[in-house]
Amino acid sequence: MEQELTAYNEDRTRQFALLLEKQRRELSQIDCEITTFGINVADLAESMQDIHFFTAIPDVNTSPNN
C-alpha cells in the first residue's frame, strides 16, 4: 500500500511539473506577443506622425448631369 501511495504521489508530482511547464511556455508566448504588439504600436504611432491626411472635397463641376 505504501509503494502504491508513493507511486501515486510521484505521478501527481510529475503531472504537476508538466502542467507548470506548459503554463510557463504559454505565459512566455503571451509575453512575447504583447511585447511585439507594443513595439508595433509604437512604430505605427511614430510612422503616423509623418503622414498627412487631406480631406477629399468633391468637385461641384463634375456632376454626371453636366
Protein backbone atom coordinates (compact mmCIF):
# COMPACT_ATOMS: atom_id res chain seq x y z
CA MET A 1 0.00 0.00 0.00
CA GLU A 2 2.84 2.38 0.85
CA GLN A 3 4.53 1.74 -2.52
CA GLU A 4 1.26 2.47 -4.34
CA LEU A 5 0.87 5.73 -2.44
CA THR A 6 4.47 6.68 -3.21
CA ALA A 7 4.00 5.88 -6.90
CA TYR A 8 0.76 7.88 -6.94
CA ASN A 9 2.44 10.88 -5.31
CA GLU A 10 5.38 10.71 -7.74
CA ASP A 11 2.97 10.55 -10.68
CA ARG A 12 1.00 13.53 -9.37
CA THR A 13 4.24 15.46 -8.87
CA ARG A 14 5.28 14.71 -12.48
CA GLN A 15 1.87 15.77 -13.79
CA PHE A 16 2.02 18.96 -11.77
CA ALA A 17 5.52 19.75 -13.08
CA LEU A 18 4.35 19.18 -16.67
CA LEU A 19 1.36 21.45 -16.14
CA LEU A 20 3.56 24.18 -14.67
CA GLU A 21 5.97 23.94 -17.61
CA LYS A 22 3.08 24.18 -20.08
CA GLN A 23 1.75 27.26 -18.29
CA ARG A 24 5.22 28.84 -18.28
CA ARG A 25 5.51 28.32 -22.05
CA GLU A 26 2.05 29.81 -22.63
CA LEU A 27 2.83 32.83 -20.46
CA SER A 28 6.14 33.30 -22.24
CA GLN A 29 4.39 33.23 -25.62
CA ILE A 30 1.78 35.74 -24.43
CA ASP A 31 4.55 37.97 -23.09
CA CYS A 32 6.34 37.86 -26.46
CA GLU A 33 3.11 38.69 -28.30
CA ILE A 34 2.40 41.63 -26.00
CA THR A 35 5.96 42.90 -26.42
CA THR A 36 5.76 42.54 -30.19
CA PHE A 37 2.39 44.25 -30.24
CA GLY A 38 3.73 47.10 -28.12
CA ILE A 39 6.69 47.60 -30.43
CA ASN A 40 4.44 47.53 -33.49
CA VAL A 41 2.07 50.08 -31.97
CA ALA A 42 4.99 52.36 -31.11
CA ASP A 43 6.38 52.04 -34.63
CA LEU A 44 2.97 52.72 -36.10
CA ALA A 45 2.47 55.80 -33.91
CA GLU A 46 5.86 57.11 -34.97
CA SER A 47 5.08 56.48 -38.63
CA MET A 48 1.69 58.15 -38.35
CA GLN A 49 3.36 61.42 -37.32
CA ASP A 50 4.87 61.65 -40.81
CA ILE A 51 1.59 61.05 -42.64
CA HIS A 52 -0.64 63.97 -43.60
CA PHE A 53 -4.32 63.39 -44.18
CA PHE A 54 -6.22 65.51 -46.66
CA THR A 55 -9.98 65.67 -46.83
CA ALA A 56 -11.46 64.93 -50.18
CA ILE A 57 -13.54 67.85 -51.39
CA PRO A 58 -15.93 66.81 -54.14
CA ASP A 59 -15.68 68.95 -57.24
CA VAL A 60 -19.04 70.59 -57.85
CA ASN A 61 -18.45 70.78 -61.59
CA THR A 62 -18.11 67.02 -62.04
CA SER A 63 -21.75 66.04 -61.59
CA PRO A 64 -22.89 63.36 -64.07
CA ASN A 65 -25.77 65.58 -65.27
CA ASN A 66 -23.47 68.23 -66.83
